[in-house]
């Protein structure tokens, strides 16, 4: 079992495959989103590209919805944190993080 995008069963059906699906409970959805997050991070580790980054954002946006945040809310929080703490543009590595 794995969480898939909403149109995947239709796409499979159009290709002659018969997907067996169910709708996740709230807890199952959260668990599977976190698993999907890890899966997407591994994909980005293999190859950094726009498609994988977009997939990662989709998962992040879905996780945000679980706590009533829109993509715009997340962007506002990201900007605020960048203003307060900076971003990663200077490529600083802290050698003694603890």
N, C-alpha and C. Protein backbone atom coordinates (compact mmCIF):
# COMPACT_ATOMS: atom_id res chain seq x y z
N UNK A 1 0.84 -1.18 0.00
CA UNK A 1 0.00 0.00 0.00
C UNK A 1 0.88 1.24 0.00
N UNK A 2 0.42 2.25 -0.74
CA UNK A 2 1.14 3.51 -0.72
C UNK A 2 0.20 4.63 -1.15
N UNK A 3 0.46 5.79 -0.61
CA UNK A 3 -0.30 6.98 -0.95
C UNK A 3 0.07 7.42 -2.36
N UNK A 4 -0.95 7.69 -3.18
CA UNK A 4 -0.72 8.15 -4.54
C UNK A 4 -1.55 9.40 -4.81
N UNK A 5 -1.17 10.12 -5.83
CA UNK A 5 -1.94 11.30 -6.25
C UNK A 5 -3.34 10.88 -6.68
N UNK A 6 -4.27 11.81 -6.57
CA UNK A 6 -5.69 11.52 -6.77
C UNK A 6 -6.04 10.91 -8.12
N UNK A 7 -5.35 11.28 -9.16
CA UNK A 7 -5.70 10.80 -10.50
C UNK A 7 -5.01 9.50 -10.90
N UNK A 8 -4.13 8.99 -10.06
CA UNK A 8 -3.38 7.77 -10.40
C UNK A 8 -4.30 6.58 -10.65
N UNK A 9 -5.34 6.34 -9.82
CA UNK A 9 -6.22 5.20 -10.14
C UNK A 9 -6.88 5.32 -11.52
N UNK A 10 -7.30 6.53 -11.91
CA UNK A 10 -7.89 6.75 -13.22
C UNK A 10 -6.88 6.45 -14.33
N UNK A 11 -5.67 6.90 -14.12
CA UNK A 11 -4.61 6.68 -15.11
C UNK A 11 -4.33 5.17 -15.25
N UNK A 12 -4.27 4.48 -14.12
CA UNK A 12 -4.05 3.03 -14.16
C UNK A 12 -5.20 2.33 -14.87
N UNK A 13 -6.42 2.74 -14.55
CA UNK A 13 -7.61 2.14 -15.16
C UNK A 13 -7.60 2.33 -16.68
N UNK A 14 -7.20 3.52 -17.12
CA UNK A 14 -7.13 3.81 -18.55
C UNK A 14 -6.09 2.93 -19.25
N UNK A 15 -5.10 2.47 -18.49
CA UNK A 15 -4.06 1.60 -19.06
C UNK A 15 -4.42 0.12 -18.92
N UNK A 16 -5.65 -0.15 -18.47
CA UNK A 16 -6.09 -1.54 -18.36
C UNK A 16 -5.76 -2.20 -17.04
N UNK A 17 -5.16 -1.47 -16.11
CA UNK A 17 -4.87 -2.02 -14.80
C UNK A 17 -6.07 -1.75 -13.89
N UNK A 18 -6.31 -2.62 -12.96
CA UNK A 18 -7.44 -2.47 -12.06
C UNK A 18 -6.95 -2.17 -10.65
N UNK A 19 -6.84 -0.89 -10.31
CA UNK A 19 -6.33 -0.54 -8.99
C UNK A 19 -7.32 -0.90 -7.88
N UNK A 20 -6.79 -1.38 -6.80
CA UNK A 20 -7.59 -1.63 -5.59
C UNK A 20 -7.23 -0.50 -4.64
N UNK A 21 -8.23 0.29 -4.26
CA UNK A 21 -7.97 1.49 -3.47
C UNK A 21 -8.91 1.57 -2.27
N UNK A 22 -8.54 2.39 -1.31
CA UNK A 22 -9.45 2.80 -0.24
C UNK A 22 -9.07 4.21 0.17
N UNK A 23 -9.98 4.89 0.83
CA UNK A 23 -9.72 6.23 1.32
C UNK A 23 -9.15 6.12 2.73
N UNK A 24 -8.04 6.78 2.94
CA UNK A 24 -7.33 6.69 4.22
C UNK A 24 -8.09 7.41 5.33
N UNK A 25 -7.97 6.88 6.53
CA UNK A 25 -8.44 7.61 7.71
C UNK A 25 -7.49 8.78 7.95
N UNK A 26 -7.84 9.66 8.84
CA UNK A 26 -6.99 10.82 9.13
C UNK A 26 -5.60 10.37 9.60
N UNK A 27 -5.55 9.41 10.51
CA UNK A 27 -4.26 8.94 11.03
C UNK A 27 -3.45 8.23 9.94
N UNK A 28 -4.12 7.40 9.15
CA UNK A 28 -3.43 6.68 8.07
C UNK A 28 -2.90 7.67 7.03
N UNK A 29 -3.69 8.70 6.72
CA UNK A 29 -3.27 9.71 5.76
C UNK A 29 -2.02 10.44 6.25
N UNK A 30 -2.02 10.84 7.51
CA UNK A 30 -0.85 11.53 8.08
C UNK A 30 0.38 10.64 8.03
N UNK A 31 0.25 9.40 8.45
CA UNK A 31 1.38 8.46 8.43
C UNK A 31 1.91 8.28 7.01
N UNK A 32 1.00 8.12 6.06
CA UNK A 32 1.42 7.89 4.68
C UNK A 32 2.01 9.14 4.05
N UNK A 33 1.52 10.32 4.43
CA UNK A 33 2.13 11.56 3.94
C UNK A 33 3.57 11.68 4.43
N UNK A 34 3.80 11.33 5.68
CA UNK A 34 5.16 11.40 6.22
C UNK A 34 6.06 10.38 5.52
N UNK A 35 5.52 9.19 5.24
CA UNK A 35 6.29 8.22 4.46
C UNK A 35 6.59 8.75 3.06
N UNK A 36 5.60 9.39 2.45
CA UNK A 36 5.77 9.97 1.12
C UNK A 36 6.82 11.09 1.16
N UNK A 37 6.83 11.86 2.24
CA UNK A 37 7.84 12.91 2.42
C UNK A 37 9.23 12.30 2.39
N UNK A 38 9.43 11.22 3.14
CA UNK A 38 10.72 10.54 3.15
C UNK A 38 11.07 10.00 1.77
N UNK A 39 10.08 9.44 1.08
CA UNK A 39 10.29 8.92 -0.28
C UNK A 39 10.75 10.03 -1.23
N UNK A 40 10.10 11.18 -1.14
CA UNK A 40 10.46 12.29 -2.03
C UNK A 40 11.85 12.83 -1.72
N UNK A 41 12.20 12.88 -0.44
CA UNK A 41 13.55 13.32 -0.06
C UNK A 41 14.60 12.37 -0.64
N UNK A 42 14.34 11.07 -0.57
CA UNK A 42 15.27 10.10 -1.15
C UNK A 42 15.40 10.30 -2.66
N UNK A 43 14.29 10.59 -3.33
CA UNK A 43 14.34 10.86 -4.77
C UNK A 43 15.20 12.08 -5.07
N UNK A 44 15.07 13.12 -4.25
CA UNK A 44 15.87 14.33 -4.45
C UNK A 44 17.35 14.05 -4.19
N UNK A 45 17.63 13.17 -3.23
CA UNK A 45 19.03 12.80 -2.98
C UNK A 45 19.62 12.11 -4.20
N UNK A 46 18.80 11.31 -4.90
CA UNK A 46 19.27 10.63 -6.10
C UNK A 46 19.48 11.62 -7.24
N UNK A 47 18.49 12.50 -7.43
CA UNK A 47 18.57 13.45 -8.53
C UNK A 47 17.78 14.70 -8.20
N UNK A 48 18.47 15.81 -8.08
CA UNK A 48 17.83 17.09 -7.81
C UNK A 48 17.31 17.67 -9.12
N UNK A 49 15.99 17.74 -9.24
CA UNK A 49 15.40 18.33 -10.43
C UNK A 49 14.05 18.96 -10.08
N UNK A 50 13.50 19.71 -11.01
CA UNK A 50 12.26 20.46 -10.78
C UNK A 50 11.09 19.54 -10.45
N UNK A 51 10.99 18.42 -11.13
CA UNK A 51 9.88 17.49 -10.90
C UNK A 51 9.87 16.97 -9.46
N UNK A 52 11.04 16.56 -8.99
CA UNK A 52 11.13 16.03 -7.62
C UNK A 52 10.87 17.12 -6.59
N UNK A 53 11.36 18.32 -6.85
CA UNK A 53 11.08 19.43 -5.93
C UNK A 53 9.59 19.74 -5.88
N UNK A 54 8.92 19.69 -7.03
CA UNK A 54 7.47 19.92 -7.08
C UNK A 54 6.72 18.83 -6.32
N UNK A 55 7.17 17.59 -6.45
CA UNK A 55 6.56 16.49 -5.69
C UNK A 55 6.71 16.73 -4.19
N UNK A 56 7.89 17.15 -3.79
CA UNK A 56 8.14 17.43 -2.37
C UNK A 56 7.23 18.55 -1.88
N UNK A 57 7.09 19.60 -2.67
CA UNK A 57 6.19 20.70 -2.29
C UNK A 57 4.75 20.21 -2.15
N UNK A 58 4.31 19.35 -3.05
CA UNK A 58 2.94 18.83 -2.97
C UNK A 58 2.71 18.12 -1.65
N UNK A 59 3.68 17.32 -1.23
CA UNK A 59 3.57 16.61 0.05
C UNK A 59 3.58 17.61 1.21
N UNK A 60 4.46 18.59 1.15
CA UNK A 60 4.53 19.59 2.21
C UNK A 60 3.22 20.38 2.30
N UNK A 61 2.68 20.77 1.15
CA UNK A 61 1.40 21.48 1.17
C UNK A 61 0.30 20.62 1.77
N UNK A 62 0.29 19.33 1.46
CA UNK A 62 -0.72 18.42 2.01
C UNK A 62 -0.55 18.27 3.52
N UNK A 63 0.69 18.20 3.98
CA UNK A 63 0.93 18.15 5.43
C UNK A 63 0.47 19.45 6.08
N UNK A 64 0.71 20.57 5.44
CA UNK A 64 0.26 21.85 5.96
C UNK A 64 -1.25 21.90 6.13
N UNK A 65 -1.97 21.34 5.16
CA UNK A 65 -3.43 21.31 5.23
C UNK A 65 -3.92 20.57 6.47
N UNK A 66 -3.15 19.59 6.93
CA UNK A 66 -3.53 18.83 8.12
C UNK A 66 -3.58 19.72 9.36
N UNK A 67 -2.80 20.80 9.34
CA UNK A 67 -2.81 21.73 10.48
C UNK A 67 -3.35 23.10 10.06
N UNK A 68 -4.23 23.06 9.05
CA UNK A 68 -4.99 24.23 8.61
C UNK A 68 -4.14 25.34 8.03
N UNK A 69 -3.05 24.98 7.35
CA UNK A 69 -2.19 25.96 6.69
C UNK A 69 -2.33 25.83 5.18
N UNK A 70 -2.48 26.96 4.53
CA UNK A 70 -2.49 26.99 3.06
C UNK A 70 -1.04 27.13 2.57
N UNK A 71 -0.80 26.88 1.28
CA UNK A 71 0.53 27.16 0.75
C UNK A 71 0.96 28.61 1.00
N UNK A 72 0.00 29.53 0.93
CA UNK A 72 0.31 30.94 1.18
C UNK A 72 0.72 31.17 2.63
N UNK A 73 0.05 30.48 3.56
CA UNK A 73 0.44 30.57 4.97
C UNK A 73 1.87 30.09 5.16
N UNK A 74 2.18 28.96 4.55
CA UNK A 74 3.54 28.41 4.67
C UNK A 74 4.57 29.37 4.09
N UNK A 75 4.24 29.99 2.98
CA UNK A 75 5.17 30.94 2.36
C UNK A 75 5.39 32.16 3.26
N UNK A 76 4.33 32.65 3.91
CA UNK A 76 4.48 33.78 4.84
C UNK A 76 5.40 33.40 6.01
N UNK A 77 5.23 32.19 6.52
CA UNK A 77 6.07 31.72 7.62
C UNK A 77 7.51 31.58 7.15
N UNK A 78 7.68 31.04 5.94
CA UNK A 78 9.03 30.90 5.39
C UNK A 78 9.72 32.25 5.25
N UNK A 79 9.01 33.23 4.74
CA UNK A 79 9.57 34.57 4.56
C UNK A 79 9.93 35.19 5.91
N UNK A 80 9.04 35.05 6.89
CA UNK A 80 9.30 35.60 8.23
C UNK A 80 10.56 34.97 8.83
N UNK A 81 10.68 33.65 8.71
CA UNK A 81 11.87 32.97 9.23
C UNK A 81 13.12 33.41 8.50
N UNK A 82 13.02 33.59 7.19
CA UNK A 82 14.17 34.05 6.41
C UNK A 82 14.58 35.46 6.83
N UNK A 83 13.61 36.30 7.10
CA UNK A 83 13.91 37.66 7.54
C UNK A 83 14.57 37.66 8.92
N UNK A 84 14.11 36.79 9.81
CA UNK A 84 14.64 36.73 11.17
C UNK A 84 15.97 35.99 11.26
N UNK A 85 16.07 34.87 10.55
CA UNK A 85 17.24 33.99 10.70
C UNK A 85 18.09 33.88 9.44
N UNK A 86 17.64 34.49 8.36
CA UNK A 86 18.33 34.36 7.08
C UNK A 86 17.84 33.15 6.32
N UNK A 87 18.39 32.98 5.13
CA UNK A 87 18.10 31.79 4.34
C UNK A 87 19.40 31.00 4.19
N UNK A 88 19.58 30.31 3.13
CA UNK A 88 20.79 29.51 2.94
C UNK A 88 21.67 30.03 1.82
N UNK A 89 21.44 31.26 1.39
CA UNK A 89 22.15 31.79 0.23
C UNK A 89 23.66 31.95 0.46
N UNK A 90 24.09 32.13 1.71
CA UNK A 90 25.52 32.29 1.98
C UNK A 90 26.25 30.96 2.15
N UNK A 91 25.50 29.87 2.13
CA UNK A 91 26.07 28.51 2.17
C UNK A 91 26.93 28.27 3.42
N UNK A 92 26.51 28.80 4.55
CA UNK A 92 27.28 28.70 5.80
C UNK A 92 27.12 27.32 6.41
N UNK A 93 28.24 26.70 6.74
CA UNK A 93 28.26 25.42 7.45
C UNK A 93 28.75 25.67 8.86
N UNK A 94 27.93 25.35 9.86
CA UNK A 94 28.31 25.48 11.26
C UNK A 94 29.05 24.21 11.68
N UNK A 95 30.30 24.35 12.07
CA UNK A 95 31.12 23.18 12.36
C UNK A 95 30.92 22.64 13.76
N UNK A 96 30.30 23.43 14.64
CA UNK A 96 30.05 22.94 16.01
C UNK A 96 28.57 23.16 16.36
N UNK A 97 27.68 22.41 15.74
CA UNK A 97 26.26 22.67 15.90
C UNK A 97 25.65 22.36 17.27
N UNK A 98 26.38 21.65 18.13
CA UNK A 98 25.81 21.30 19.44
C UNK A 98 26.38 22.13 20.55
